[in-house]
Amino acid sequence: MHTSIYRTFAGCALAMAGFAAVASAQGRGPQAPLAVEHPNYVSVTMEVTVNKPAAEVWARVGKYCDIGEWLQVPCMIMSGQDGEVGAVRSIGNEIMVGKTDLSYTYTQPVRVGQMYNMYHGTVEARPLTATTCKLLYTLVWDNSNLTDDAARDRDKEQRRTTFQRALDNMKILAEGGTLPPRPARGGGQKGGGPGGR
């Protein structure tokens, strides 16, 4: 029995030494502590059904700076190529970090003196039928810097309200309609972009 336990411990020790050797060979070494000791990652997913084919909808509202039209804020490409990973748009200096034919994902840069909250957004047109699709907007971020659950709930609902309105505007545009006027900003948003910090 004791021999079996010792063999198990010895096997584990060899395996750990092997993992350490591989990590060292790959230049990784020990991991540094997290910059945010206790992150609290949350997500919000919003959607709307559009009575147009996904490819047609994406062609109308899926370009990286189309956000300027459906969020009703100015947008321009600051660096990189529009629609390509690495492009930076003027809204929040957001960087495109992933894309497919019918989606893209973006993040916001690290800023001096602010906690990096890992804010990411994904916009997607998902086919439902040959003539309909679903537009989805998914956000994920760390809200551990907020003071309490009430503040975290307010932050989450503000984002949900902002981006559900954006999705509704995308549907209007994709179906050939005219957008209503942009609502007045109540209380404002932190940060440079609609996701804000």
N, C-alpha and C. Protein backbone atom coordinates (compact mmCIF):
# COMPACT_ATOMS: atom_id res chain seq x y z
N MET A 1 0.82 -1.19 0.00
CA MET A 1 0.00 0.00 0.00
C MET A 1 0.87 1.26 0.00
N HIS A 2 1.84 1.31 1.00
CA HIS A 2 2.71 2.48 1.06
C HIS A 2 3.55 2.61 -0.20
N THR A 3 4.01 1.46 -0.72
CA THR A 3 4.81 1.49 -1.94
C THR A 3 4.01 2.07 -3.10
N SER A 4 2.74 1.71 -3.17
CA SER A 4 1.87 2.23 -4.23
C SER A 4 1.70 3.74 -4.12
N ILE A 5 1.52 4.22 -2.89
CA ILE A 5 1.37 5.66 -2.68
C ILE A 5 2.65 6.39 -3.07
N TYR A 6 3.81 5.85 -2.64
CA TYR A 6 5.08 6.48 -2.99
C TYR A 6 5.27 6.53 -4.50
N ARG A 7 4.89 5.43 -5.17
CA ARG A 7 5.01 5.41 -6.64
C ARG A 7 4.11 6.48 -7.27
N THR A 8 2.91 6.64 -6.71
CA THR A 8 2.00 7.67 -7.23
C THR A 8 2.60 9.06 -7.05
N PHE A 9 3.15 9.33 -5.83
CA PHE A 9 3.77 10.63 -5.58
C PHE A 9 4.96 10.84 -6.50
N ALA A 10 5.75 9.80 -6.68
CA ALA A 10 6.92 9.91 -7.55
C ALA A 10 6.50 10.19 -8.99
N GLY A 11 5.44 9.50 -9.41
CA GLY A 11 4.93 9.73 -10.76
C GLY A 11 4.45 11.16 -10.95
N CYS A 12 3.74 11.68 -9.94
CA CYS A 12 3.25 13.07 -9.99
C CYS A 12 4.42 14.05 -10.04
N ALA A 13 5.44 13.78 -9.22
CA ALA A 13 6.61 14.67 -9.19
C ALA A 13 7.31 14.68 -10.54
N LEU A 14 7.45 13.51 -11.15
CA LEU A 14 8.07 13.45 -12.48
C LEU A 14 7.23 14.19 -13.52
N ALA A 15 5.91 14.02 -13.43
CA ALA A 15 5.03 14.72 -14.38
C ALA A 15 5.16 16.23 -14.22
N MET A 16 5.17 16.71 -12.97
CA MET A 16 5.31 18.15 -12.71
C MET A 16 6.65 18.66 -13.22
N ALA A 17 7.70 17.88 -13.00
CA ALA A 17 9.02 18.27 -13.50
C ALA A 17 9.01 18.35 -15.02
N GLY A 18 8.30 17.40 -15.65
CA GLY A 18 8.18 17.41 -17.10
C GLY A 18 7.45 18.65 -17.60
N PHE A 19 6.33 18.99 -16.94
CA PHE A 19 5.58 20.20 -17.32
C PHE A 19 6.43 21.44 -17.15
N ALA A 20 7.19 21.51 -16.04
CA ALA A 20 8.06 22.66 -15.79
C ALA A 20 9.13 22.76 -16.88
N ALA A 21 9.69 21.59 -17.29
CA ALA A 21 10.72 21.60 -18.33
C ALA A 21 10.15 22.09 -19.66
N VAL A 22 8.93 21.64 -19.99
CA VAL A 22 8.29 22.09 -21.24
C VAL A 22 8.03 23.58 -21.18
N ALA A 23 7.46 24.07 -20.05
CA ALA A 23 7.19 25.50 -19.91
C ALA A 23 8.46 26.31 -20.02
N SER A 24 9.53 25.82 -19.38
CA SER A 24 10.80 26.53 -19.43
C SER A 24 11.35 26.55 -20.85
N ALA A 25 11.24 25.40 -21.54
CA ALA A 25 11.74 25.32 -22.92
C ALA A 25 10.96 26.26 -23.83
N GLN A 26 9.69 26.50 -23.51
CA GLN A 26 8.88 27.40 -24.34
C GLN A 26 9.02 28.85 -23.89
N GLY A 27 9.86 29.10 -22.89
CA GLY A 27 10.12 30.46 -22.45
C GLY A 27 9.03 31.05 -21.58
N ARG A 28 8.19 30.19 -20.99
CA ARG A 28 7.07 30.73 -20.21
C ARG A 28 7.45 30.98 -18.77
N GLY A 29 8.13 30.05 -18.14
CA GLY A 29 8.49 30.21 -16.74
C GLY A 29 7.27 30.32 -15.85
N PRO A 30 7.45 30.68 -14.59
CA PRO A 30 6.33 30.80 -13.66
C PRO A 30 5.43 31.97 -14.07
N GLN A 31 4.14 31.82 -13.82
CA GLN A 31 3.21 32.89 -14.17
C GLN A 31 3.26 34.01 -13.14
N ALA A 32 3.18 35.24 -13.62
CA ALA A 32 3.10 36.41 -12.73
C ALA A 32 1.72 36.46 -12.09
N PRO A 33 1.61 37.13 -10.95
CA PRO A 33 0.28 37.26 -10.32
C PRO A 33 -0.68 38.05 -11.23
N LEU A 34 -1.97 37.83 -11.03
CA LEU A 34 -2.97 38.57 -11.79
C LEU A 34 -2.92 40.05 -11.41
N ALA A 35 -3.11 40.93 -12.39
CA ALA A 35 -3.16 42.37 -12.11
C ALA A 35 -4.40 42.70 -11.29
N VAL A 36 -5.51 42.00 -11.55
CA VAL A 36 -6.73 42.14 -10.74
C VAL A 36 -6.85 40.83 -9.96
N GLU A 37 -6.68 40.92 -8.65
CA GLU A 37 -6.57 39.71 -7.84
C GLU A 37 -7.83 38.85 -7.86
N HIS A 38 -9.00 39.51 -7.81
CA HIS A 38 -10.26 38.77 -7.78
C HIS A 38 -11.21 39.32 -8.84
N PRO A 39 -10.98 39.01 -10.13
CA PRO A 39 -11.86 39.51 -11.18
C PRO A 39 -13.26 38.92 -11.05
N ASN A 40 -14.24 39.66 -11.56
CA ASN A 40 -15.63 39.19 -11.58
C ASN A 40 -16.15 39.36 -13.01
N TYR A 41 -15.95 38.34 -13.83
CA TYR A 41 -16.33 38.44 -15.24
C TYR A 41 -17.83 38.23 -15.39
N VAL A 42 -18.45 39.13 -16.14
CA VAL A 42 -19.88 39.03 -16.42
C VAL A 42 -20.08 39.14 -17.93
N SER A 43 -21.22 38.70 -18.40
CA SER A 43 -21.52 38.81 -19.82
C SER A 43 -22.99 39.17 -20.02
N VAL A 44 -23.25 39.77 -21.15
CA VAL A 44 -24.62 40.12 -21.56
C VAL A 44 -24.74 39.71 -23.02
N THR A 45 -25.77 38.96 -23.35
CA THR A 45 -26.04 38.62 -24.75
C THR A 45 -27.42 39.15 -25.12
N MET A 46 -27.46 39.93 -26.20
CA MET A 46 -28.71 40.50 -26.70
C MET A 46 -28.92 40.00 -28.12
N GLU A 47 -30.17 39.96 -28.55
CA GLU A 47 -30.45 39.49 -29.91
C GLU A 47 -31.72 40.11 -30.45
N VAL A 48 -31.82 40.08 -31.78
CA VAL A 48 -33.02 40.53 -32.47
C VAL A 48 -33.13 39.76 -33.78
N THR A 49 -34.34 39.41 -34.16
CA THR A 49 -34.56 38.69 -35.42
C THR A 49 -34.78 39.71 -36.54
N VAL A 50 -34.14 39.44 -37.68
CA VAL A 50 -34.21 40.34 -38.84
C VAL A 50 -34.81 39.57 -40.02
N ASN A 51 -35.73 40.21 -40.71
CA ASN A 51 -36.40 39.57 -41.85
C ASN A 51 -35.64 39.79 -43.15
N LYS A 52 -34.39 39.40 -43.12
CA LYS A 52 -33.50 39.46 -44.30
C LYS A 52 -32.48 38.34 -44.14
N PRO A 53 -31.89 37.87 -45.23
CA PRO A 53 -30.83 36.85 -45.13
C PRO A 53 -29.60 37.38 -44.40
N ALA A 54 -28.92 36.51 -43.70
CA ALA A 54 -27.77 36.91 -42.88
C ALA A 54 -26.70 37.64 -43.69
N ALA A 55 -26.36 37.12 -44.86
CA ALA A 55 -25.30 37.75 -45.66
C ALA A 55 -25.70 39.16 -46.08
N GLU A 56 -26.96 39.34 -46.41
CA GLU A 56 -27.44 40.66 -46.82
C GLU A 56 -27.44 41.63 -45.62
N VAL A 57 -27.83 41.12 -44.47
CA VAL A 57 -27.83 41.95 -43.26
C VAL A 57 -26.40 42.35 -42.92
N TRP A 58 -25.47 41.40 -42.96
CA TRP A 58 -24.09 41.69 -42.61
C TRP A 58 -23.47 42.69 -43.58
N ALA A 59 -23.82 42.59 -44.86
CA ALA A 59 -23.30 43.54 -45.84
C ALA A 59 -23.79 44.96 -45.53
N ARG A 60 -24.97 45.07 -44.94
CA ARG A 60 -25.55 46.39 -44.64
C ARG A 60 -25.05 46.97 -43.31
N VAL A 61 -24.88 46.14 -42.27
CA VAL A 61 -24.58 46.69 -40.94
C VAL A 61 -23.33 46.09 -40.29
N GLY A 62 -22.58 45.24 -40.99
CA GLY A 62 -21.49 44.51 -40.35
C GLY A 62 -20.10 45.04 -40.58
N LYS A 63 -19.94 46.14 -41.31
CA LYS A 63 -18.60 46.70 -41.46
C LYS A 63 -18.18 47.32 -40.12
N TYR A 64 -16.88 47.37 -39.87
CA TYR A 64 -16.38 47.75 -38.55
C TYR A 64 -16.84 49.14 -38.12
N CYS A 65 -16.90 50.08 -39.04
CA CYS A 65 -17.36 51.42 -38.67
C CYS A 65 -18.84 51.63 -38.95
N ASP A 66 -19.58 50.59 -39.34
CA ASP A 66 -21.03 50.73 -39.41
C ASP A 66 -21.63 51.03 -38.04
N ILE A 67 -20.88 50.74 -36.98
CA ILE A 67 -21.32 51.07 -35.63
C ILE A 67 -21.65 52.56 -35.52
N GLY A 68 -20.95 53.39 -36.27
CA GLY A 68 -21.23 54.82 -36.23
C GLY A 68 -22.66 55.14 -36.62
N GLU A 69 -23.18 54.40 -37.62
CA GLU A 69 -24.55 54.64 -38.07
C GLU A 69 -25.56 54.08 -37.08
N TRP A 70 -25.39 52.81 -36.67
CA TRP A 70 -26.43 52.22 -35.83
C TRP A 70 -26.33 52.55 -34.36
N LEU A 71 -25.16 53.04 -33.90
CA LEU A 71 -25.07 53.56 -32.53
C LEU A 71 -25.23 55.08 -32.52
N GLN A 72 -25.20 55.65 -33.73
CA GLN A 72 -25.42 57.08 -33.93
C GLN A 72 -24.35 57.93 -33.23
N VAL A 73 -23.10 57.54 -33.49
CA VAL A 73 -21.93 58.28 -33.01
C VAL A 73 -20.91 58.32 -34.14
N PRO A 74 -20.02 59.31 -34.16
CA PRO A 74 -19.01 59.37 -35.22
C PRO A 74 -18.04 58.18 -35.13
N CYS A 75 -17.62 57.66 -36.28
CA CYS A 75 -16.64 56.57 -36.31
C CYS A 75 -15.76 56.70 -37.53
N MET A 76 -14.47 56.46 -37.33
CA MET A 76 -13.53 56.38 -38.44
C MET A 76 -12.46 55.35 -38.10
N ILE A 77 -11.86 54.76 -39.13
CA ILE A 77 -10.77 53.81 -38.93
C ILE A 77 -9.49 54.61 -38.71
N MET A 78 -8.84 54.36 -37.55
CA MET A 78 -7.64 55.11 -37.19
C MET A 78 -6.36 54.43 -37.65
N SER A 79 -6.37 53.10 -37.70
CA SER A 79 -5.21 52.39 -38.23
C SER A 79 -5.65 51.00 -38.67
N GLY A 80 -4.83 50.40 -39.54
CA GLY A 80 -5.18 49.09 -40.08
C GLY A 80 -6.20 49.21 -41.20
N GLN A 81 -6.67 48.07 -41.67
CA GLN A 81 -7.62 48.02 -42.77
C GLN A 81 -9.01 47.73 -42.23
N ASP A 82 -10.00 48.51 -42.67
CA ASP A 82 -11.39 48.31 -42.24
C ASP A 82 -11.80 46.87 -42.52
N GLY A 83 -12.33 46.20 -41.51
CA GLY A 83 -12.79 44.84 -41.68
C GLY A 83 -11.73 43.77 -41.46
N GLU A 84 -10.51 44.18 -41.13
CA GLU A 84 -9.45 43.22 -40.91
C GLU A 84 -9.02 43.21 -39.45
N VAL A 85 -8.63 42.03 -38.96
CA VAL A 85 -8.13 41.91 -37.59
C VAL A 85 -6.97 42.87 -37.41
N GLY A 86 -6.99 43.61 -36.31
CA GLY A 86 -5.97 44.62 -36.04
C GLY A 86 -6.41 46.03 -36.35
N ALA A 87 -7.54 46.19 -37.05
CA ALA A 87 -8.05 47.53 -37.34
C ALA A 87 -8.46 48.21 -36.04
N VAL A 88 -8.21 49.51 -35.95
CA VAL A 88 -8.58 50.30 -34.77
C VAL A 88 -9.56 51.36 -35.22
N ARG A 89 -10.72 51.42 -34.54
CA ARG A 89 -11.70 52.46 -34.85
C ARG A 89 -11.68 53.53 -33.77
N SER A 90 -12.17 54.72 -34.13
CA SER A 90 -12.07 55.86 -33.22
C SER A 90 -12.94 55.71 -31.98
N ILE A 91 -13.99 54.92 -32.02
CA ILE A 91 -14.85 54.71 -30.86
C ILE A 91 -14.08 53.89 -29.83
N GLY A 92 -13.66 54.53 -28.75
CA GLY A 92 -12.94 53.84 -27.68
C GLY A 92 -11.59 53.28 -28.08
N ASN A 93 -11.07 53.67 -29.25
CA ASN A 93 -9.83 53.08 -29.77
C ASN A 93 -9.94 51.56 -29.83
N GLU A 94 -11.15 51.07 -30.18
CA GLU A 94 -11.42 49.64 -30.15
C GLU A 94 -10.68 48.90 -31.27
N ILE A 95 -10.09 47.75 -30.89
CA ILE A 95 -9.27 46.96 -31.80
C ILE A 95 -10.03 45.70 -32.18
N MET A 96 -10.13 45.41 -33.48
CA MET A 96 -10.74 44.16 -33.92
C MET A 96 -9.75 43.03 -33.64
N VAL A 97 -10.20 42.04 -32.85
CA VAL A 97 -9.30 40.95 -32.46
C VAL A 97 -9.73 39.60 -33.03
N GLY A 98 -10.86 39.55 -33.73
CA GLY A 98 -11.30 38.31 -34.35
C GLY A 98 -12.42 38.58 -35.33
N LYS A 99 -12.58 37.70 -36.32
CA LYS A 99 -13.65 37.88 -37.30
C LYS A 99 -13.96 36.56 -37.99
N THR A 100 -15.20 36.48 -38.49
CA THR A 100 -15.61 35.42 -39.41
C THR A 100 -16.34 36.12 -40.55
N ASP A 101 -16.92 35.35 -41.44
CA ASP A 101 -17.67 35.98 -42.54
C ASP A 101 -18.86 36.78 -42.05
N LEU A 102 -19.42 36.40 -40.89
CA LEU A 102 -20.64 37.05 -40.40
C LEU A 102 -20.50 37.53 -38.95
N SER A 103 -19.28 37.83 -38.51
CA SER A 103 -19.11 38.32 -37.15
C SER A 103 -17.76 38.99 -36.99
N TYR A 104 -17.63 39.76 -35.92
CA TYR A 104 -16.32 40.23 -35.49
C TYR A 104 -16.33 40.43 -33.97
N THR A 105 -15.13 40.39 -33.39
CA THR A 105 -14.94 40.62 -31.97
C THR A 105 -13.93 41.74 -31.79
N TYR A 106 -14.20 42.60 -30.82
CA TYR A 106 -13.30 43.72 -30.57
C TYR A 106 -13.03 43.84 -29.07
N THR A 107 -11.98 44.59 -28.75
CA THR A 107 -11.68 44.92 -27.36
C THR A 107 -11.25 46.36 -27.29
N GLN A 108 -11.04 46.84 -26.07
CA GLN A 108 -10.54 48.19 -25.86
C GLN A 108 -9.15 48.12 -25.27
N PRO A 109 -8.31 49.14 -25.52
CA PRO A 109 -6.91 49.07 -25.07
C PRO A 109 -6.76 49.34 -23.58
N VAL A 110 -5.60 48.97 -23.05
CA VAL A 110 -5.23 49.30 -21.68
C VAL A 110 -4.97 50.80 -21.61
N ARG A 111 -5.48 51.45 -20.55
CA ARG A 111 -5.28 52.89 -20.39
C ARG A 111 -4.54 53.19 -19.09
N VAL A 112 -3.72 54.22 -19.12
CA VAL A 112 -2.94 54.61 -17.96
C VAL A 112 -3.87 54.98 -16.81
N GLY A 113 -3.60 54.44 -15.63
CA GLY A 113 -4.34 54.82 -14.43
C GLY A 113 -5.71 54.20 -14.30
N GLN A 114 -6.08 53.27 -15.20
CA GLN A 114 -7.38 52.62 -15.13
C GLN A 114 -7.20 51.11 -15.08
N MET A 115 -8.06 50.45 -14.31
CA MET A 115 -8.04 49.00 -14.30
C MET A 115 -8.43 48.49 -15.69
N TYR A 116 -7.71 47.51 -16.20
CA TYR A 116 -8.10 46.91 -17.47
C TYR A 116 -9.19 45.89 -17.18
N ASN A 117 -10.40 46.18 -17.70
CA ASN A 117 -11.55 45.33 -17.36
C ASN A 117 -11.84 44.23 -18.38
N MET A 118 -10.90 43.98 -19.29
CA MET A 118 -11.05 42.89 -20.27
C MET A 118 -12.29 43.03 -21.14
N TYR A 119 -12.78 44.25 -21.33
CA TYR A 119 -13.99 44.47 -22.12
C TYR A 119 -13.82 43.94 -23.54
N HIS A 120 -14.73 43.06 -23.95
CA HIS A 120 -14.79 42.54 -25.31
C HIS A 120 -16.24 42.55 -25.79
N GLY A 121 -16.42 42.79 -27.06
CA GLY A 121 -17.75 42.71 -27.66
C GLY A 121 -17.70 41.88 -28.93
N THR A 122 -18.76 41.13 -29.18
CA THR A 122 -18.88 40.35 -30.42
C THR A 122 -20.22 40.67 -31.06
N VAL A 123 -20.19 41.00 -32.35
CA VAL A 123 -21.38 41.25 -33.14
C VAL A 123 -21.47 40.14 -34.18
N GLU A 124 -22.65 39.56 -34.33
CA GLU A 124 -22.80 38.40 -35.23
C GLU A 124 -24.15 38.41 -35.92
N ALA A 125 -24.17 38.03 -37.18
CA ALA A 125 -25.41 37.72 -37.91
C ALA A 125 -25.47 36.21 -38.07
N ARG A 126 -26.49 35.59 -37.47
CA ARG A 126 -26.60 34.13 -37.49
C ARG A 126 -27.80 33.73 -38.34
N PRO A 127 -27.60 32.97 -39.42
CA PRO A 127 -28.73 32.57 -40.28
C PRO A 127 -29.75 31.74 -39.51
N LEU A 128 -31.04 32.02 -39.75
CA LEU A 128 -32.13 31.21 -39.22
C LEU A 128 -32.78 30.41 -40.34
N THR A 129 -33.15 31.11 -41.40
CA THR A 129 -33.70 30.47 -42.60
C THR A 129 -33.03 31.13 -43.80
N ALA A 130 -33.47 30.78 -44.99
CA ALA A 130 -32.90 31.40 -46.19
C ALA A 130 -33.22 32.89 -46.26
N THR A 131 -34.27 33.32 -45.54
CA THR A 131 -34.71 34.72 -45.65
C THR A 131 -34.70 35.47 -44.32
N THR A 132 -34.25 34.83 -43.23
CA THR A 132 -34.21 35.50 -41.93
C THR A 132 -32.91 35.17 -41.21
N CYS A 133 -32.58 36.01 -40.24
CA CYS A 133 -31.41 35.77 -39.42
C CYS A 133 -31.61 36.39 -38.05
N LYS A 134 -30.66 36.13 -37.19
CA LYS A 134 -30.67 36.71 -35.85
C LYS A 134 -29.39 37.52 -35.72
N LEU A 135 -29.51 38.77 -35.27
CA LEU A 135 -28.34 39.57 -34.92
C LEU A 135 -28.10 39.40 -33.43
N LEU A 136 -26.85 39.11 -33.07
CA LEU A 136 -26.49 38.94 -31.66
C LEU A 136 -25.38 39.91 -31.30
N TYR A 137 -25.46 40.45 -30.10
CA TYR A 137 -24.40 41.31 -29.57
C TYR A 137 -24.06 40.77 -28.18
N THR A 138 -22.83 40.33 -28.00
CA THR A 138 -22.39 39.74 -26.73
C THR A 138 -21.26 40.59 -26.15
N LEU A 139 -21.38 40.92 -24.88
CA LEU A 139 -20.35 41.67 -24.17
C LEU A 139 -19.82 40.82 -23.02
N VAL A 140 -18.54 40.95 -22.74
CA VAL A 140 -17.96 40.33 -21.54
C VAL A 140 -16.94 41.31 -20.97
N TRP A 141 -16.94 41.45 -19.63
CA TRP A 141 -16.01 42.36 -18.98
C TRP A 141 -15.91 42.00 -17.50
N ASP A 142 -14.92 42.59 -16.85
CA ASP A 142 -14.69 42.40 -15.42
C ASP A 142 -15.24 43.62 -14.69
N ASN A 143 -16.23 43.41 -13.82
CA ASN A 143 -16.80 44.55 -13.10
C ASN A 143 -16.42 44.54 -11.61
N SER A 144 -15.30 43.89 -11.29
CA SER A 144 -14.89 43.78 -9.89
C SER A 144 -14.49 45.12 -9.28
N ASN A 145 -14.25 46.13 -10.11
CA ASN A 145 -13.86 47.44 -9.59
C ASN A 145 -15.05 48.23 -9.06
N LEU A 146 -16.28 47.78 -9.34
CA LEU A 146 -17.45 48.52 -8.88
C LEU A 146 -17.71 48.21 -7.40
N THR A 147 -18.35 49.14 -6.72
CA THR A 147 -18.39 49.11 -5.26
C THR A 147 -19.24 47.99 -4.66
N ASP A 148 -20.35 47.64 -5.31
CA ASP A 148 -21.24 46.64 -4.72
C ASP A 148 -22.13 46.04 -5.80
N ASP A 149 -22.98 45.10 -5.41
CA ASP A 149 -23.85 44.42 -6.37
C ASP A 149 -24.81 45.38 -7.05
N ALA A 150 -25.29 46.38 -6.33
CA ALA A 150 -26.22 47.36 -6.93
C ALA A 150 -25.52 48.12 -8.06
N ALA A 151 -24.28 48.52 -7.83
CA ALA A 151 -23.52 49.24 -8.88
C ALA A 151 -23.25 48.33 -10.06
N ARG A 152 -22.95 47.06 -9.79
CA ARG A 152 -22.69 46.11 -10.87
C ARG A 152 -23.96 45.87 -11.69
N ASP A 153 -25.10 45.78 -11.00
CA ASP A 153 -26.38 45.60 -11.72
C ASP A 153 -26.70 46.81 -12.59
N ARG A 154 -26.46 48.02 -12.07
CA ARG A 154 -26.72 49.24 -12.86
C ARG A 154 -25.84 49.28 -14.10
N ASP A 155 -24.57 48.94 -13.91
CA ASP A 155 -23.62 48.92 -15.03
C ASP A 155 -24.07 47.93 -16.10
N LYS A 156 -24.47 46.75 -15.67
CA LYS A 156 -24.90 45.71 -16.61
C LYS A 156 -26.16 46.14 -17.37
N GLU A 157 -27.11 46.74 -16.67
CA GLU A 157 -28.35 47.16 -17.33
C GLU A 157 -28.13 48.33 -18.27
N GLN A 158 -27.20 49.24 -17.91
CA GLN A 158 -26.88 50.36 -18.81
C GLN A 158 -26.31 49.84 -20.12
N ARG A 159 -25.42 48.87 -20.02
CA ARG A 159 -24.85 48.29 -21.23
C ARG A 159 -25.91 47.56 -22.05
N ARG A 160 -26.75 46.80 -21.35
CA ARG A 160 -27.82 46.07 -22.05
C ARG A 160 -28.74 47.05 -22.80
N THR A 161 -29.11 48.14 -22.16
CA THR A 161 -29.99 49.13 -22.79
C THR A 161 -29.32 49.74 -24.02
N THR A 162 -28.06 50.14 -23.87
CA THR A 162 -27.33 50.77 -24.97
C THR A 162 -27.23 49.85 -26.18
N PHE A 163 -26.86 48.60 -25.94
CA PHE A 163 -26.59 47.71 -27.07
C PHE A 163 -27.84 47.02 -27.59
N GLN A 164 -28.90 46.93 -26.80
CA GLN A 164 -30.16 46.45 -27.36
C GLN A 164 -30.72 47.49 -28.31
N ARG A 165 -30.59 48.77 -27.95
CA ARG A 165 -31.01 49.85 -28.87
C ARG A 165 -30.18 49.78 -30.15
N ALA A 166 -28.88 49.50 -30.01
CA ALA A 166 -28.02 49.37 -31.20
C ALA A 166 -28.50 48.23 -32.09
N LEU A 167 -28.83 47.09 -31.50
CA LEU A 167 -29.35 45.96 -32.28
C LEU A 167 -30.66 46.31 -32.96
N ASP A 168 -31.55 46.97 -32.24
CA ASP A 168 -32.83 47.38 -32.83
C ASP A 168 -32.59 48.31 -34.02
N ASN A 169 -31.61 49.21 -33.89
CA ASN A 169 -31.26 50.09 -35.01
C ASN A 169 -30.68 49.31 -36.18
N MET A 170 -29.88 48.30 -35.90
CA MET A 170 -29.33 47.46 -36.97
C MET A 170 -30.46 46.78 -37.74
N LYS A 171 -31.45 46.29 -37.02
CA LYS A 171 -32.60 45.65 -37.66
C LYS A 171 -33.33 46.64 -38.56
N ILE A 172 -33.56 47.84 -38.05
CA ILE A 172 -34.25 48.87 -38.84
C ILE A 172 -33.50 49.14 -40.13
N LEU A 173 -32.18 49.35 -40.02
CA LEU A 173 -31.37 49.65 -41.20
C LEU A 173 -31.35 48.48 -42.17
N ALA A 174 -31.17 47.26 -41.64
CA ALA A 174 -31.08 46.08 -42.50
C ALA A 174 -32.39 45.82 -43.24
N GLU A 175 -33.50 46.19 -42.63
CA GLU A 175 -34.81 45.99 -43.27
C GLU A 175 -35.25 47.19 -44.09
N GLY A 176 -34.35 48.18 -44.24
CA GLY A 176 -34.63 49.32 -45.12
C GLY A 176 -35.34 50.48 -44.47
N GLY A 177 -35.42 50.52 -43.14
CA GLY A 177 -36.12 51.60 -42.45
C GLY A 177 -35.23 52.79 -42.13
N THR A 178 -35.81 53.77 -41.44
CA THR A 178 -35.12 54.99 -41.04
C THR A 178 -35.01 55.02 -39.52
N LEU A 179 -33.84 55.36 -39.03
CA LEU A 179 -33.62 55.34 -37.58
C LEU A 179 -34.34 56.49 -36.88
N PRO A 180 -34.85 56.25 -35.68
CA PRO A 180 -35.37 57.35 -34.86
C PRO A 180 -34.20 58.19 -34.36
N PRO A 181 -34.47 59.41 -33.88
CA PRO A 181 -33.38 60.23 -33.35
C PRO A 181 -32.70 59.54 -32.18
N ARG A 182 -31.42 59.83 -32.02
CA ARG A 182 -30.68 59.25 -30.90
C ARG A 182 -31.19 59.84 -29.59
N PRO A 183 -31.46 58.99 -28.58
CA PRO A 183 -31.93 59.51 -27.30
C PRO A 183 -30.86 60.33 -26.60
N ALA A 184 -31.31 61.28 -25.77
CA ALA A 184 -30.35 62.08 -24.99
C ALA A 184 -29.63 61.16 -24.03
N ARG A 185 -28.36 61.47 -23.79
CA ARG A 185 -27.56 60.65 -22.88
C ARG A 185 -27.85 61.06 -21.45
N GLY A 186 -28.29 60.11 -20.65
CA GLY A 186 -28.56 60.38 -19.24
C GLY A 186 -27.41 59.89 -18.39
N GLY A 187 -26.69 60.82 -17.81
CA GLY A 187 -25.61 60.43 -16.91
C GLY A 187 -24.29 60.15 -17.62
N GLY A 188 -24.34 59.94 -18.94
CA GLY A 188 -23.12 59.73 -19.71
C GLY A 188 -22.52 58.37 -19.48
N GLN A 189 -21.55 58.05 -20.33
CA GLN A 189 -20.85 56.78 -20.24
C GLN A 189 -19.40 57.06 -19.96
N LYS A 190 -18.79 56.20 -19.17
CA LYS A 190 -17.36 56.35 -18.90
C LYS A 190 -16.56 55.78 -20.05
N GLY A 191 -15.37 56.31 -20.21
CA GLY A 191 -14.49 55.76 -21.23
C GLY A 191 -14.81 56.36 -22.59
N GLY A 192 -14.01 55.98 -23.58
CA GLY A 192 -14.15 56.57 -24.89
C GLY A 192 -15.20 55.91 -25.74
N GLY A 193 -15.53 54.67 -25.50
CA GLY A 193 -16.44 53.97 -26.39
C GLY A 193 -17.77 53.65 -25.73
N PRO A 194 -18.68 53.07 -26.49
CA PRO A 194 -19.99 52.75 -25.97
C PRO A 194 -19.95 51.74 -24.84
N GLY A 195 -18.92 50.89 -24.83
CA GLY A 195 -18.81 49.93 -23.74
C GLY A 195 -18.31 50.60 -22.47
N GLY A 196 -17.46 51.61 -22.68
CA GLY A 196 -16.95 52.39 -21.58
C GLY A 196 -16.25 51.58 -20.52
N ARG A 197 -15.64 52.24 -19.62
CA ARG A 197 -15.04 51.57 -18.47
C ARG A 197 -15.79 52.02 -17.28
